Amino acid sequence: MKVRGVSHIAVCVADLERSLGFYRDILGLEVKMHAVQEMGQRPGAQSAYMYERPRKSRTVADVYIDDPESTQPYLVLTSHPGDDVGGEPIKLDQKGISHISFGVADLNAFVKELIAKGVPLAGTMEDFTDESGNVRTIFVYDPDGILVQFDEGPPAY
């Protein structure tokens, strides 16, 4: 038995439109589906193993890298309007999916643009600067306080 790859990553957010303001409008991801879904139609929607409590509906958006050649997994952003979403975002050293990471072509230019657009850094620039003065990665917070990382791609081994 063998998996073929990561299909998607789902992130529950407090306010889908506010999160789209970050993932779509600031990061440039493309929304390919945006809908309201009745939870009665969702597999396992009433299961206490998968949901904190029963929900009537959810809003959902599938967001993709805006590149027809991309084989990257897409993000599924969900929210439950009119129904508070519990929980707190976790840190890098806590159990669970700790962050989402994106590769960018020019990290320094990208960071300047994020800061100019008011995206909060998860720390200070000094936290991301190595002893040689290089910035190889950076973390910011999305609108729900979820850590989002940016770098110029995987290291060469």
N, C-alpha and C. Protein backbone atom coordinates (compact mmCIF):
# COMPACT_ATOMS: atom_id res chain seq x y z
N MET A 1 0.86 -1.17 0.00
CA MET A 1 0.00 0.00 0.00
C MET A 1 0.90 1.23 0.00
N LYS A 2 0.52 2.24 -0.80
CA LYS A 2 1.36 3.43 -0.92
C LYS A 2 0.48 4.62 -1.30
N VAL A 3 0.70 5.77 -0.64
CA VAL A 3 -0.04 6.97 -1.00
C VAL A 3 0.63 7.64 -2.20
N ARG A 4 -0.16 8.45 -2.93
CA ARG A 4 0.37 9.12 -4.12
C ARG A 4 0.86 10.53 -3.84
N GLY A 5 0.41 11.12 -2.74
CA GLY A 5 0.81 12.49 -2.42
C GLY A 5 -0.19 13.14 -1.50
N VAL A 6 0.07 14.38 -1.12
CA VAL A 6 -0.85 15.14 -0.28
C VAL A 6 -1.90 15.76 -1.20
N SER A 7 -3.15 15.49 -0.95
CA SER A 7 -4.26 16.00 -1.76
C SER A 7 -4.58 17.44 -1.37
N HIS A 8 -4.87 17.64 -0.09
CA HIS A 8 -5.22 18.98 0.39
C HIS A 8 -4.93 19.08 1.88
N ILE A 9 -4.93 20.32 2.36
CA ILE A 9 -4.77 20.61 3.78
C ILE A 9 -5.96 21.46 4.17
N ALA A 10 -6.70 21.03 5.18
CA ALA A 10 -7.90 21.76 5.60
C ALA A 10 -7.59 22.57 6.85
N VAL A 11 -8.05 23.81 6.85
CA VAL A 11 -7.84 24.72 7.97
C VAL A 11 -9.19 25.33 8.34
N CYS A 12 -9.62 25.12 9.57
CA CYS A 12 -10.85 25.73 10.05
C CYS A 12 -10.49 27.13 10.57
N VAL A 13 -11.25 28.12 10.11
CA VAL A 13 -10.98 29.52 10.47
C VAL A 13 -12.23 30.13 11.09
N ALA A 14 -12.06 31.21 11.82
CA ALA A 14 -13.20 31.86 12.47
C ALA A 14 -14.08 32.60 11.46
N ASP A 15 -13.46 33.22 10.46
CA ASP A 15 -14.19 34.04 9.50
C ASP A 15 -13.59 33.81 8.12
N LEU A 16 -14.31 33.08 7.28
CA LEU A 16 -13.77 32.70 5.98
C LEU A 16 -13.43 33.91 5.11
N GLU A 17 -14.28 34.92 5.09
CA GLU A 17 -14.00 36.09 4.25
C GLU A 17 -12.74 36.81 4.71
N ARG A 18 -12.54 36.91 6.02
CA ARG A 18 -11.33 37.55 6.54
C ARG A 18 -10.10 36.73 6.15
N SER A 19 -10.20 35.41 6.22
CA SER A 19 -9.08 34.56 5.84
C SER A 19 -8.80 34.62 4.35
N LEU A 20 -9.85 34.74 3.53
CA LEU A 20 -9.64 34.90 2.09
C LEU A 20 -8.92 36.21 1.80
N GLY A 21 -9.16 37.22 2.63
CA GLY A 21 -8.42 38.47 2.48
C GLY A 21 -6.92 38.27 2.62
N PHE A 22 -6.52 37.27 3.36
CA PHE A 22 -5.11 36.95 3.52
C PHE A 22 -4.64 35.99 2.43
N TYR A 23 -5.24 34.80 2.37
CA TYR A 23 -4.76 33.76 1.46
C TYR A 23 -4.99 34.10 -0.02
N ARG A 24 -6.10 34.71 -0.34
CA ARG A 24 -6.39 35.07 -1.74
C ARG A 24 -5.80 36.44 -2.08
N ASP A 25 -6.17 37.46 -1.30
CA ASP A 25 -5.83 38.83 -1.67
C ASP A 25 -4.38 39.20 -1.42
N ILE A 26 -3.79 38.71 -0.34
CA ILE A 26 -2.39 39.04 -0.05
C ILE A 26 -1.43 38.01 -0.65
N LEU A 27 -1.71 36.72 -0.46
CA LEU A 27 -0.79 35.69 -0.95
C LEU A 27 -1.02 35.32 -2.41
N GLY A 28 -2.16 35.70 -2.98
CA GLY A 28 -2.41 35.46 -4.39
C GLY A 28 -2.89 34.06 -4.73
N LEU A 29 -3.40 33.32 -3.74
CA LEU A 29 -3.96 32.00 -4.06
C LEU A 29 -5.27 32.19 -4.81
N GLU A 30 -5.62 31.21 -5.62
CA GLU A 30 -6.81 31.29 -6.46
C GLU A 30 -7.95 30.47 -5.84
N VAL A 31 -9.12 31.10 -5.68
CA VAL A 31 -10.30 30.40 -5.16
C VAL A 31 -10.97 29.69 -6.32
N LYS A 32 -11.06 28.37 -6.23
CA LYS A 32 -11.70 27.59 -7.29
C LYS A 32 -13.08 27.11 -6.88
N MET A 33 -13.38 27.13 -5.60
CA MET A 33 -14.69 26.75 -5.12
C MET A 33 -14.95 27.53 -3.84
N HIS A 34 -16.16 28.09 -3.72
CA HIS A 34 -16.55 28.85 -2.53
C HIS A 34 -18.04 28.62 -2.36
N ALA A 35 -18.43 27.94 -1.28
CA ALA A 35 -19.83 27.55 -1.14
C ALA A 35 -20.23 27.43 0.32
N VAL A 36 -21.53 27.38 0.53
CA VAL A 36 -22.11 27.03 1.82
C VAL A 36 -22.58 25.59 1.68
N GLN A 37 -22.24 24.77 2.65
CA GLN A 37 -22.62 23.36 2.61
C GLN A 37 -23.39 23.01 3.88
N GLU A 38 -24.49 22.30 3.70
CA GLU A 38 -25.24 21.80 4.84
C GLU A 38 -24.46 20.63 5.44
N MET A 39 -24.31 20.64 6.74
CA MET A 39 -23.49 19.61 7.38
C MET A 39 -24.13 18.23 7.31
N GLY A 40 -25.45 18.16 7.17
CA GLY A 40 -26.11 16.87 7.03
C GLY A 40 -25.64 16.10 5.82
N GLN A 41 -25.07 16.80 4.85
CA GLN A 41 -24.56 16.18 3.62
C GLN A 41 -23.09 15.78 3.73
N ARG A 42 -22.44 16.13 4.82
CA ARG A 42 -21.01 15.86 4.99
C ARG A 42 -20.79 14.52 5.68
N PRO A 43 -19.90 13.68 5.18
CA PRO A 43 -19.58 12.41 5.86
C PRO A 43 -19.06 12.67 7.27
N GLY A 44 -19.61 11.99 8.23
CA GLY A 44 -19.15 12.10 9.61
C GLY A 44 -19.51 13.39 10.31
N ALA A 45 -20.39 14.20 9.73
CA ALA A 45 -20.69 15.52 10.29
C ALA A 45 -21.26 15.48 11.70
N GLN A 46 -21.89 14.40 12.06
CA GLN A 46 -22.47 14.29 13.40
C GLN A 46 -21.57 13.48 14.34
N SER A 47 -20.40 13.12 13.88
CA SER A 47 -19.50 12.27 14.65
C SER A 47 -18.72 13.07 15.69
N ALA A 48 -18.83 12.66 16.92
CA ALA A 48 -18.05 13.30 18.00
C ALA A 48 -16.56 12.96 17.86
N TYR A 49 -16.21 12.02 17.02
CA TYR A 49 -14.81 11.70 16.78
C TYR A 49 -14.16 12.72 15.86
N MET A 50 -14.96 13.39 15.04
CA MET A 50 -14.39 14.31 14.05
C MET A 50 -14.75 15.77 14.30
N TYR A 51 -15.82 16.04 15.01
CA TYR A 51 -16.27 17.41 15.27
C TYR A 51 -16.43 17.62 16.76
N GLU A 52 -16.10 18.83 17.21
CA GLU A 52 -16.26 19.17 18.62
C GLU A 52 -17.73 19.11 19.03
N ARG A 53 -18.60 19.57 18.12
CA ARG A 53 -20.04 19.52 18.37
C ARG A 53 -20.77 19.57 17.03
N PRO A 54 -22.03 19.17 17.00
CA PRO A 54 -22.76 19.20 15.72
C PRO A 54 -22.86 20.63 15.17
N ARG A 55 -22.75 20.75 13.87
CA ARG A 55 -22.84 22.04 13.18
C ARG A 55 -23.93 21.92 12.11
N LYS A 56 -24.62 23.03 11.86
CA LYS A 56 -25.69 23.02 10.85
C LYS A 56 -25.14 23.18 9.44
N SER A 57 -24.18 24.08 9.29
CA SER A 57 -23.62 24.33 7.96
C SER A 57 -22.19 24.82 8.10
N ARG A 58 -21.54 24.90 6.96
CA ARG A 58 -20.19 25.46 6.94
C ARG A 58 -20.02 26.22 5.63
N THR A 59 -19.14 27.21 5.66
CA THR A 59 -18.70 27.83 4.43
C THR A 59 -17.35 27.23 4.12
N VAL A 60 -17.08 27.06 2.86
CA VAL A 60 -15.84 26.40 2.46
C VAL A 60 -15.31 27.05 1.19
N ALA A 61 -14.00 27.15 1.13
CA ALA A 61 -13.34 27.64 -0.09
C ALA A 61 -12.12 26.77 -0.34
N ASP A 62 -11.99 26.31 -1.57
CA ASP A 62 -10.79 25.58 -2.00
C ASP A 62 -9.89 26.61 -2.67
N VAL A 63 -8.68 26.77 -2.15
CA VAL A 63 -7.75 27.75 -2.70
C VAL A 63 -6.48 27.06 -3.16
N TYR A 64 -6.03 27.46 -4.34
CA TYR A 64 -4.93 26.80 -5.03
C TYR A 64 -3.82 27.79 -5.35
N ILE A 65 -2.62 27.25 -5.55
CA ILE A 65 -1.52 28.03 -6.10
C ILE A 65 -1.97 28.46 -7.49
N ASP A 66 -1.82 29.74 -7.82
CA ASP A 66 -2.27 30.27 -9.11
C ASP A 66 -1.23 29.98 -10.19
N ASP A 67 -1.12 28.69 -10.54
CA ASP A 67 -0.17 28.24 -11.55
C ASP A 67 -0.72 26.94 -12.14
N PRO A 68 -1.10 26.94 -13.42
CA PRO A 68 -1.68 25.73 -14.02
C PRO A 68 -0.73 24.53 -13.99
N GLU A 69 0.56 24.78 -13.86
CA GLU A 69 1.55 23.69 -13.83
C GLU A 69 1.74 23.11 -12.42
N SER A 70 1.18 23.77 -11.41
CA SER A 70 1.41 23.37 -10.02
C SER A 70 0.77 22.03 -9.70
N THR A 71 1.52 21.20 -9.01
CA THR A 71 1.00 19.93 -8.51
C THR A 71 0.91 19.96 -6.99
N GLN A 72 0.99 21.16 -6.43
CA GLN A 72 0.95 21.33 -4.97
C GLN A 72 -0.43 21.01 -4.43
N PRO A 73 -0.51 20.55 -3.18
CA PRO A 73 -1.83 20.36 -2.57
C PRO A 73 -2.53 21.71 -2.42
N TYR A 74 -3.84 21.68 -2.39
CA TYR A 74 -4.60 22.91 -2.21
C TYR A 74 -5.05 23.03 -0.76
N LEU A 75 -5.46 24.23 -0.39
CA LEU A 75 -5.99 24.48 0.95
C LEU A 75 -7.50 24.47 0.91
N VAL A 76 -8.11 23.86 1.90
CA VAL A 76 -9.55 23.92 2.09
C VAL A 76 -9.76 24.76 3.35
N LEU A 77 -10.30 25.96 3.17
CA LEU A 77 -10.59 26.83 4.30
C LEU A 77 -12.06 26.68 4.65
N THR A 78 -12.36 26.40 5.91
CA THR A 78 -13.75 26.24 6.33
C THR A 78 -14.05 27.12 7.53
N SER A 79 -15.31 27.52 7.64
CA SER A 79 -15.78 28.23 8.82
C SER A 79 -17.23 27.86 9.06
N HIS A 80 -17.72 28.21 10.21
CA HIS A 80 -19.10 27.91 10.59
C HIS A 80 -19.76 29.23 11.01
N PRO A 81 -20.27 29.99 10.04
CA PRO A 81 -20.83 31.32 10.33
C PRO A 81 -21.93 31.26 11.39
N GLY A 82 -21.89 32.24 12.29
CA GLY A 82 -22.87 32.31 13.35
C GLY A 82 -22.66 31.29 14.44
N ASP A 83 -21.57 30.55 14.37
CA ASP A 83 -21.28 29.49 15.33
C ASP A 83 -19.79 29.60 15.67
N ASP A 84 -19.46 29.96 16.89
CA ASP A 84 -18.06 30.14 17.27
C ASP A 84 -17.24 28.88 17.02
N VAL A 85 -16.01 29.10 16.58
CA VAL A 85 -15.06 28.02 16.37
C VAL A 85 -14.12 28.03 17.57
N GLY A 86 -13.99 26.90 18.22
CA GLY A 86 -13.14 26.82 19.41
C GLY A 86 -11.69 26.53 19.07
N GLY A 87 -10.89 26.48 20.10
CA GLY A 87 -9.49 26.12 19.94
C GLY A 87 -8.59 27.31 19.75
N GLU A 88 -7.31 27.06 19.93
CA GLU A 88 -6.27 28.07 19.76
C GLU A 88 -5.23 27.54 18.79
N PRO A 89 -4.65 28.41 17.96
CA PRO A 89 -3.56 27.96 17.10
C PRO A 89 -2.40 27.45 17.95
N ILE A 90 -1.68 26.47 17.43
CA ILE A 90 -0.59 25.90 18.20
C ILE A 90 0.75 26.49 17.75
N LYS A 91 1.75 26.25 18.56
CA LYS A 91 3.12 26.69 18.28
C LYS A 91 3.88 25.54 17.61
N LEU A 92 5.08 25.82 17.15
CA LEU A 92 5.86 24.83 16.41
C LEU A 92 6.23 23.60 17.24
N ASP A 93 6.25 23.73 18.55
CA ASP A 93 6.66 22.60 19.38
C ASP A 93 5.49 21.91 20.07
N GLN A 94 4.28 22.08 19.52
CA GLN A 94 3.11 21.42 20.09
C GLN A 94 2.57 20.38 19.10
N LYS A 95 1.88 19.39 19.65
CA LYS A 95 1.33 18.31 18.85
C LYS A 95 0.28 18.82 17.88
N GLY A 96 0.34 18.37 16.65
CA GLY A 96 -0.61 18.77 15.62
C GLY A 96 0.09 19.42 14.45
N ILE A 97 -0.68 19.80 13.47
CA ILE A 97 -0.10 20.49 12.32
C ILE A 97 0.21 21.91 12.78
N SER A 98 1.49 22.24 12.83
CA SER A 98 1.91 23.48 13.48
C SER A 98 1.94 24.69 12.56
N HIS A 99 2.03 24.47 11.24
CA HIS A 99 2.09 25.62 10.34
C HIS A 99 1.91 25.19 8.89
N ILE A 100 1.70 26.16 8.04
CA ILE A 100 1.64 25.97 6.59
C ILE A 100 2.87 26.68 6.04
N SER A 101 3.53 26.09 5.06
CA SER A 101 4.74 26.70 4.51
C SER A 101 4.60 26.87 3.00
N PHE A 102 5.02 28.04 2.52
CA PHE A 102 5.00 28.36 1.10
C PHE A 102 6.39 28.73 0.63
N GLY A 103 6.75 28.29 -0.57
CA GLY A 103 7.99 28.72 -1.18
C GLY A 103 7.75 29.98 -2.00
N VAL A 104 8.70 30.88 -1.97
CA VAL A 104 8.63 32.12 -2.75
C VAL A 104 9.96 32.30 -3.50
N ALA A 105 9.93 33.10 -4.57
CA ALA A 105 11.12 33.29 -5.40
C ALA A 105 12.16 34.19 -4.73
N ASP A 106 11.72 35.26 -4.08
CA ASP A 106 12.62 36.23 -3.47
C ASP A 106 12.10 36.56 -2.08
N LEU A 107 12.64 35.87 -1.09
CA LEU A 107 12.13 36.00 0.27
C LEU A 107 12.23 37.42 0.80
N ASN A 108 13.36 38.09 0.59
CA ASN A 108 13.53 39.44 1.12
C ASN A 108 12.50 40.40 0.56
N ALA A 109 12.26 40.35 -0.74
CA ALA A 109 11.24 41.22 -1.35
C ALA A 109 9.86 40.85 -0.85
N PHE A 110 9.60 39.55 -0.71
CA PHE A 110 8.30 39.08 -0.25
C PHE A 110 8.01 39.57 1.17
N VAL A 111 9.02 39.47 2.04
CA VAL A 111 8.86 39.92 3.43
C VAL A 111 8.54 41.41 3.48
N LYS A 112 9.25 42.20 2.70
CA LYS A 112 8.98 43.65 2.67
C LYS A 112 7.54 43.93 2.25
N GLU A 113 7.05 43.18 1.27
CA GLU A 113 5.68 43.38 0.81
C GLU A 113 4.67 42.96 1.88
N LEU A 114 4.93 41.83 2.55
CA LEU A 114 4.03 41.40 3.64
C LEU A 114 3.96 42.46 4.73
N ILE A 115 5.11 42.97 5.13
CA ILE A 115 5.15 43.99 6.18
C ILE A 115 4.43 45.25 5.73
N ALA A 116 4.63 45.65 4.48
CA ALA A 116 3.95 46.84 3.95
C ALA A 116 2.43 46.66 3.94
N LYS A 117 1.97 45.42 3.79
CA LYS A 117 0.54 45.14 3.77
C LYS A 117 -0.03 44.90 5.17
N GLY A 118 0.81 45.06 6.18
CA GLY A 118 0.35 44.95 7.56
C GLY A 118 0.23 43.54 8.11
N VAL A 119 0.86 42.57 7.46
CA VAL A 119 0.81 41.19 7.95
C VAL A 119 1.74 41.09 9.17
N PRO A 120 1.22 40.62 10.31
CA PRO A 120 2.05 40.55 11.52
C PRO A 120 3.09 39.43 11.48
N LEU A 121 4.33 39.79 11.75
CA LEU A 121 5.40 38.80 11.86
C LEU A 121 5.23 38.01 13.15
N ALA A 122 5.64 36.75 13.11
CA ALA A 122 5.65 35.91 14.32
C ALA A 122 7.02 36.08 14.97
N GLY A 123 7.28 37.25 15.46
CA GLY A 123 8.56 37.59 16.06
C GLY A 123 9.08 38.88 15.45
N THR A 124 10.39 39.05 15.53
CA THR A 124 11.02 40.23 14.94
C THR A 124 11.91 39.77 13.79
N MET A 125 12.35 40.68 12.96
CA MET A 125 13.25 40.32 11.86
C MET A 125 14.53 39.68 12.41
N GLU A 126 14.97 40.11 13.58
CA GLU A 126 16.17 39.51 14.19
C GLU A 126 15.96 38.02 14.47
N ASP A 127 14.72 37.63 14.77
CA ASP A 127 14.44 36.21 15.03
C ASP A 127 14.69 35.35 13.79
N PHE A 128 14.60 35.94 12.61
CA PHE A 128 14.72 35.19 11.36
C PHE A 128 16.06 35.42 10.65
N THR A 129 16.92 36.20 11.25
CA THR A 129 18.21 36.54 10.64
C THR A 129 19.31 35.71 11.28
N ASP A 130 20.09 35.01 10.44
CA ASP A 130 21.15 34.18 10.99
C ASP A 130 22.39 35.03 11.32
N GLU A 131 23.42 34.38 11.84
CA GLU A 131 24.62 35.09 12.28
C GLU A 131 25.36 35.77 11.12
N SER A 132 25.08 35.37 9.89
CA SER A 132 25.69 36.01 8.72
C SER A 132 24.84 37.14 8.16
N GLY A 133 23.69 37.41 8.80
CA GLY A 133 22.81 38.48 8.34
C GLY A 133 21.82 38.06 7.27
N ASN A 134 21.72 36.76 7.02
CA ASN A 134 20.80 36.25 5.99
C ASN A 134 19.45 35.86 6.59
N VAL A 135 18.40 36.12 5.84
CA VAL A 135 17.05 35.67 6.21
C VAL A 135 16.70 34.54 5.25
N ARG A 136 16.58 33.32 5.80
CA ARG A 136 16.31 32.16 4.96
C ARG A 136 14.85 31.70 5.06
N THR A 137 14.18 32.11 6.12
CA THR A 137 12.79 31.76 6.33
C THR A 137 12.16 32.82 7.22
N ILE A 138 10.86 32.90 7.14
CA ILE A 138 10.14 33.85 7.99
C ILE A 138 8.78 33.25 8.32
N PHE A 139 8.27 33.59 9.48
CA PHE A 139 6.93 33.16 9.90
C PHE A 139 6.08 34.40 10.16
N VAL A 140 4.84 34.32 9.73
CA VAL A 140 3.85 35.35 10.01
C VAL A 140 2.62 34.68 10.60
N TYR A 141 1.67 35.50 11.04
CA TYR A 141 0.39 34.98 11.52
C TYR A 141 -0.68 35.26 10.49
N ASP A 142 -1.54 34.27 10.23
CA ASP A 142 -2.71 34.52 9.40
C ASP A 142 -3.76 35.20 10.30
N PRO A 143 -4.94 35.54 9.78
CA PRO A 143 -5.92 36.26 10.60
C PRO A 143 -6.39 35.53 11.86
N ASP A 144 -6.21 34.20 11.91
CA ASP A 144 -6.58 33.43 13.10
C ASP A 144 -5.41 33.14 14.02
N GLY A 145 -4.24 33.69 13.70
CA GLY A 145 -3.07 33.44 14.52
C GLY A 145 -2.36 32.14 14.18
N ILE A 146 -2.71 31.53 13.05
CA ILE A 146 -2.05 30.30 12.60
C ILE A 146 -0.71 30.70 11.97
N LEU A 147 0.34 29.97 12.31
CA LEU A 147 1.66 30.25 11.77
C LEU A 147 1.74 29.89 10.29
N VAL A 148 2.27 30.81 9.50
CA VAL A 148 2.49 30.59 8.07
C VAL A 148 3.95 30.94 7.79
N GLN A 149 4.66 30.00 7.18
CA GLN A 149 6.08 30.14 6.91
C GLN A 149 6.31 30.43 5.42
N PHE A 150 7.36 31.19 5.14
CA PHE A 150 7.79 31.45 3.77
C PHE A 150 9.28 31.23 3.69
N ASP A 151 9.71 30.57 2.62
CA ASP A 151 11.14 30.39 2.36
C ASP A 151 11.34 30.27 0.86
N GLU A 152 12.58 30.09 0.45
CA GLU A 152 12.87 30.00 -0.99
C GLU A 152 12.96 28.56 -1.47
N GLY A 153 12.39 27.65 -0.72
CA GLY A 153 12.34 26.25 -1.15
C GLY A 153 13.17 25.36 -0.26
N PRO A 154 13.08 24.06 -0.51
CA PRO A 154 13.81 23.12 0.33
C PRO A 154 15.30 23.24 0.15
N PRO A 155 16.06 22.94 1.21
CA PRO A 155 17.51 23.01 1.10
C PRO A 155 18.04 21.94 0.15
N ALA A 156 19.16 22.22 -0.46
CA ALA A 156 19.82 21.21 -1.32
C ALA A 156 20.57 20.25 -0.41
N TYR A 157 20.35 18.96 -0.62
CA TYR A 157 21.03 17.94 0.21
C TYR A 157 22.17 17.33 -0.54
